[in-house]
Each structure stands twice: as C-alpha cells, then as structure tokens.
N, C-alpha and C. Protein backbone atom coordinates (compact mmCIF):
# COMPACT_ATOMS: atom_id res chain seq x y z
N MET A 1 15.88 -75.08 78.27
CA MET A 1 16.59 -74.83 77.54
C MET A 1 17.22 -73.77 77.89
N THR A 2 18.84 -73.96 77.82
CA THR A 2 19.71 -72.70 78.71
C THR A 2 20.65 -72.23 77.86
N GLY A 3 21.17 -71.16 77.70
CA GLY A 3 22.10 -70.69 77.04
C GLY A 3 21.19 -69.31 76.29
N VAL A 4 22.05 -69.03 75.56
CA VAL A 4 21.95 -67.45 74.54
C VAL A 4 20.83 -68.01 73.32
N GLN A 5 19.54 -67.53 73.17
CA GLN A 5 18.89 -67.66 72.05
C GLN A 5 19.30 -66.82 70.94
N THR A 6 19.51 -67.14 69.86
CA THR A 6 19.64 -66.26 68.78
C THR A 6 18.74 -66.52 67.85
N CYS A 7 18.55 -65.30 66.98
CA CYS A 7 17.53 -65.08 65.92
C CYS A 7 17.88 -63.93 64.67
N ALA A 8 18.09 -65.15 63.70
CA ALA A 8 18.78 -64.58 62.26
C ALA A 8 17.50 -63.57 61.64
N LEU A 9 17.80 -62.10 61.46
CA LEU A 9 17.31 -61.31 60.85
C LEU A 9 17.93 -61.07 59.40
N PRO A 10 17.12 -60.83 58.48
CA PRO A 10 18.08 -60.62 57.09
C PRO A 10 18.57 -59.50 57.36
N ILE A 11 19.54 -59.24 56.46
CA ILE A 11 20.43 -57.96 56.51
C ILE A 11 20.06 -57.33 55.28
N PHE A 12 19.62 -56.33 55.00
CA PHE A 12 19.17 -55.28 54.03
C PHE A 12 20.53 -54.09 54.04
N PRO A 13 20.88 -53.64 52.69
CA PRO A 13 21.83 -52.90 52.47
C PRO A 13 21.14 -51.36 52.62
N VAL A 14 21.79 -50.37 53.46
CA VAL A 14 20.90 -49.30 53.51
C VAL A 14 21.60 -48.41 52.12
N THR A 15 20.64 -48.37 51.23
CA THR A 15 20.53 -47.29 49.88
C THR A 15 20.08 -46.39 49.97
N ILE A 16 20.58 -45.16 49.46
CA ILE A 16 19.23 -44.09 49.30
C ILE A 16 17.73 -44.47 49.11
N GLU A 17 17.78 -45.24 48.07
CA GLU A 17 16.63 -45.83 47.56
C GLU A 17 15.82 -46.43 48.53
N ARG A 18 16.25 -47.22 49.54
CA ARG A 18 15.64 -48.01 50.50
C ARG A 18 15.20 -47.04 51.75
N VAL A 19 16.11 -45.82 52.12
CA VAL A 19 15.64 -44.64 52.90
C VAL A 19 14.40 -44.02 52.43
N THR A 20 14.37 -43.60 50.94
CA THR A 20 13.18 -43.15 50.49
C THR A 20 11.86 -44.06 50.50
N GLN A 21 12.04 -45.41 50.77
CA GLN A 21 11.02 -46.35 50.66
C GLN A 21 10.54 -46.21 51.96
N MET A 22 11.28 -46.22 52.93
CA MET A 22 10.59 -46.47 54.21
C MET A 22 10.46 -45.31 54.90
N ALA A 23 10.46 -44.14 54.75
CA ALA A 23 10.31 -42.71 55.17
C ALA A 23 9.68 -42.20 53.91
N LYS A 24 8.24 -41.56 54.39
CA LYS A 24 7.58 -40.79 53.73
C LYS A 24 7.71 -39.46 53.62
N LEU A 25 8.21 -38.62 52.47
CA LEU A 25 8.23 -37.56 52.65
C LEU A 25 7.54 -36.44 52.23
N TYR A 26 7.38 -35.61 53.01
CA TYR A 26 6.00 -34.48 52.55
C TYR A 26 6.72 -33.17 52.27
N THR A 27 5.65 -32.43 51.90
CA THR A 27 6.05 -31.26 51.32
C THR A 27 4.62 -30.17 52.18
N VAL A 28 5.06 -28.85 52.18
CA VAL A 28 4.11 -28.20 52.81
C VAL A 28 2.57 -28.15 52.02
N GLU A 29 2.90 -28.25 50.89
CA GLU A 29 1.91 -28.02 49.86
C GLU A 29 1.26 -29.36 50.16
N ASN A 30 1.76 -30.22 50.09
CA ASN A 30 0.90 -31.60 50.20
C ASN A 30 -0.06 -31.74 50.97
N LEU A 31 0.87 -31.13 52.43
CA LEU A 31 -0.02 -31.33 53.96
C LEU A 31 -1.16 -30.44 53.83
N LEU A 32 -1.16 -29.31 53.05
CA LEU A 32 -2.61 -28.41 53.26
C LEU A 32 -3.21 -28.70 52.13
N ILE A 33 -3.19 -29.28 51.16
CA ILE A 33 -4.28 -30.02 50.15
C ILE A 33 -5.08 -30.87 50.87
N GLY A 34 -6.25 -30.46 50.60
CA GLY A 34 -7.26 -31.44 51.41
C GLY A 34 -7.45 -30.88 52.42
N LYS A 35 -7.33 -30.09 53.18
CA LYS A 35 -7.53 -29.72 54.60
C LYS A 35 -8.53 -28.77 54.43
N ARG A 36 -9.65 -28.54 55.63
CA ARG A 36 -10.67 -27.61 55.79
C ARG A 36 -9.96 -26.21 56.14
N TYR A 37 -10.56 -25.25 55.24
CA TYR A 37 -10.18 -23.82 55.64
C TYR A 37 -11.49 -22.92 55.89
N ASN A 38 -11.62 -22.72 57.16
CA ASN A 38 -12.89 -21.75 57.91
C ASN A 38 -12.43 -20.44 58.17
N SER A 39 -13.59 -19.97 57.40
CA SER A 39 -12.90 -18.13 58.44
C SER A 39 -14.24 -17.28 58.03
N ALA A 40 -14.52 -16.23 58.46
CA ALA A 40 -15.62 -15.50 58.81
C ALA A 40 -16.45 -15.39 57.42
N SER A 41 -16.00 -15.47 56.64
CA SER A 41 -16.38 -15.05 54.67
C SER A 41 -16.32 -16.18 53.79
N ILE A 42 -15.31 -17.47 54.58
CA ILE A 42 -15.52 -18.86 53.34
C ILE A 42 -15.37 -19.89 54.34
N ASN A 43 -15.84 -20.63 54.03
CA ASN A 43 -15.76 -22.14 54.27
C ASN A 43 -15.38 -23.05 53.07
N GLY A 44 -14.66 -24.16 53.11
CA GLY A 44 -14.05 -24.86 52.15
C GLY A 44 -12.94 -25.92 52.33
N ILE A 45 -12.46 -26.20 50.90
CA ILE A 45 -11.30 -27.19 50.82
C ILE A 45 -10.44 -26.46 50.16
N ILE A 46 -9.39 -27.04 50.88
CA ILE A 46 -7.93 -26.39 50.02
C ILE A 46 -7.77 -26.99 49.22
N VAL A 47 -8.02 -26.80 47.59
CA VAL A 47 -7.55 -27.55 46.54
C VAL A 47 -6.15 -27.18 46.01
N ASN A 48 -5.15 -26.04 46.11
CA ASN A 48 -4.11 -25.97 45.80
C ASN A 48 -3.03 -24.81 46.87
N ALA A 49 -1.68 -25.11 46.70
CA ALA A 49 -1.23 -24.91 47.89
C ALA A 49 0.24 -24.11 46.84
N THR A 50 0.67 -22.95 46.64
CA THR A 50 1.59 -22.76 46.28
C THR A 50 2.82 -21.80 47.21
N SER A 51 4.15 -22.15 47.67
CA SER A 51 4.73 -21.12 48.24
C SER A 51 4.83 -19.54 47.68
N ASN A 52 4.95 -18.64 48.35
CA ASN A 52 4.89 -17.22 47.57
C ASN A 52 5.57 -16.41 48.57
N ASP A 53 6.22 -15.35 47.86
CA ASP A 53 7.05 -14.35 48.54
C ASP A 53 6.35 -13.14 48.76
N SER A 54 5.28 -12.91 48.05
CA SER A 54 4.93 -11.46 47.90
C SER A 54 4.12 -10.88 49.17
N VAL A 55 3.79 -11.75 50.41
CA VAL A 55 3.30 -11.07 51.59
C VAL A 55 4.14 -11.69 52.40
N TYR A 56 4.96 -10.43 53.69
CA TYR A 56 5.57 -11.09 54.65
C TYR A 56 4.51 -11.07 55.98
N PHE A 57 4.72 -12.33 56.55
CA PHE A 57 4.10 -12.17 57.69
C PHE A 57 4.95 -12.20 58.74
N GLY A 58 5.95 -12.28 58.82
CA GLY A 58 7.13 -12.17 59.86
C GLY A 58 8.18 -12.99 60.03
N GLU A 59 9.12 -12.93 60.88
CA GLU A 59 10.49 -13.64 61.11
C GLU A 59 9.79 -15.07 61.28
N GLY A 60 10.81 -16.50 60.63
CA GLY A 60 10.46 -17.31 61.02
C GLY A 60 9.11 -17.89 60.60
N LEU A 61 8.20 -17.51 59.40
CA LEU A 61 7.09 -17.99 59.23
C LEU A 61 7.11 -17.73 57.06
N ASP A 62 6.90 -18.45 56.45
CA ASP A 62 6.76 -18.61 54.80
C ASP A 62 5.22 -18.57 54.86
N THR A 63 5.15 -18.08 53.48
CA THR A 63 3.90 -17.41 53.07
C THR A 63 3.21 -18.45 52.09
N TYR A 64 2.01 -18.80 52.21
CA TYR A 64 1.51 -20.12 51.00
C TYR A 64 0.47 -19.32 50.38
N LEU A 65 0.04 -19.50 49.23
CA LEU A 65 -1.00 -18.69 48.39
C LEU A 65 -1.83 -20.18 48.45
N ILE A 66 -3.23 -20.10 48.99
CA ILE A 66 -4.20 -21.38 48.95
C ILE A 66 -5.19 -21.01 48.03
N GLU A 67 -5.57 -22.06 47.68
CA GLU A 67 -6.71 -22.14 46.77
C GLU A 67 -7.96 -22.81 47.37
N VAL A 68 -9.03 -22.06 47.81
CA VAL A 68 -10.05 -22.55 48.49
C VAL A 68 -11.48 -22.69 47.83
N ARG A 69 -11.82 -24.12 47.93
CA ARG A 69 -13.01 -24.45 47.08
C ARG A 69 -14.24 -24.31 47.96
N GLU A 70 -15.41 -23.21 47.76
CA GLU A 70 -16.66 -23.28 48.64
C GLU A 70 -17.16 -24.70 48.60
N ASP A 71 -17.91 -24.88 49.85
CA ASP A 71 -18.75 -25.56 50.36
C ASP A 71 -20.13 -26.06 49.50
N SER A 72 -20.34 -24.46 48.91
CA SER A 72 -21.96 -24.47 48.39
C SER A 72 -21.98 -25.12 47.41
N GLY A 73 -21.36 -25.66 46.94
CA GLY A 73 -21.50 -26.84 45.94
C GLY A 73 -21.24 -25.73 44.37
N LEU A 74 -20.84 -24.83 44.38
CA LEU A 74 -21.20 -23.76 42.95
C LEU A 74 -19.57 -23.88 42.27
N TYR A 75 -19.00 -24.42 43.04
CA TYR A 75 -17.34 -24.60 42.82
C TYR A 75 -16.64 -23.40 42.45
N ARG A 76 -16.65 -22.47 43.45
CA ARG A 76 -16.29 -20.96 43.59
C ARG A 76 -14.91 -21.10 44.14
N ASP A 77 -13.86 -20.81 43.56
CA ASP A 77 -12.53 -21.05 44.09
C ASP A 77 -12.57 -19.39 45.01
N HIS A 78 -11.77 -19.51 45.82
CA HIS A 78 -11.08 -18.24 46.96
C HIS A 78 -9.81 -18.62 46.62
N PHE A 79 -9.20 -17.63 46.81
CA PHE A 79 -7.47 -17.23 46.60
C PHE A 79 -7.28 -16.44 48.25
N ARG A 80 -6.31 -17.28 49.25
CA ARG A 80 -5.91 -16.69 50.29
C ARG A 80 -4.74 -17.19 50.81
N TYR A 81 -3.78 -15.94 51.48
CA TYR A 81 -2.54 -16.13 52.23
C TYR A 81 -2.55 -17.11 53.08
N VAL A 82 -2.06 -17.78 53.53
CA VAL A 82 -1.64 -18.30 54.96
C VAL A 82 -0.35 -18.07 55.39
N ALA A 83 0.03 -18.24 56.39
CA ALA A 83 1.68 -18.04 57.04
C ALA A 83 1.53 -19.74 57.40
N VAL A 84 2.86 -20.41 57.35
CA VAL A 84 3.18 -21.38 58.22
C VAL A 84 4.35 -21.43 58.70
N ARG A 85 4.62 -21.69 60.09
CA ARG A 85 5.78 -21.54 60.54
C ARG A 85 7.12 -22.54 60.19
N ASN A 86 8.27 -22.33 59.94
CA ASN A 86 9.17 -22.64 59.33
C ASN A 86 10.67 -23.01 60.30
N GLY A 87 10.52 -24.28 61.05
CA GLY A 87 11.39 -24.15 62.00
C GLY A 87 10.97 -24.87 63.39
N GLU A 88 11.54 -24.73 64.35
CA GLU A 88 11.08 -25.47 65.57
C GLU A 88 10.00 -24.62 66.11
N ILE A 89 9.33 -25.55 66.79
CA ILE A 89 8.09 -24.44 67.67
C ILE A 89 8.60 -24.16 69.01
C-alpha cells in the first residue's frame, strides 16, 4: 500500500477539569507524610506536616513543623522543624 496512512484519534476538549484529572497535584505536606525521619535522637514515620513561619532557616527555604511517630511501638509522637527548599535547585 502506498501513500500516507492516517489514524483517527478522538479529540477531547481541554478544560480545567480535564487538566486536573490528567495531572496529579501534590503539596509539600502530602509529600512529607509517610516518609521516614531518622536522626540521632528519634527514628520514625512522619504522620503530620504543616507549614510554619516561627523558625527561619534561610533565604529560599520554607519551614514545616512535622509530627514523627516513633518506631518503638509506644506511639509516642515528637515534633521537629524541617527546612524545605522552595524553587529551583
């Protein structure tokens, strides 16, 4: 067969609803929750994270107050401040 072959694809109108369905939107809080936190004094899982401005780490960094649940099984929660870079690397 010679010539150009064509393929008919359905065309969907692009709407805001369709774009949000196609792309997963994440927040820093959602990305922190569920991650491991390891330090010299505590090891555990981050169970909560909120943006916080009470501690200043430096220019271009956002501060988050995280709640860490220990791995010891005693369900002791500890709070720590962490810095997250905001912008280009």
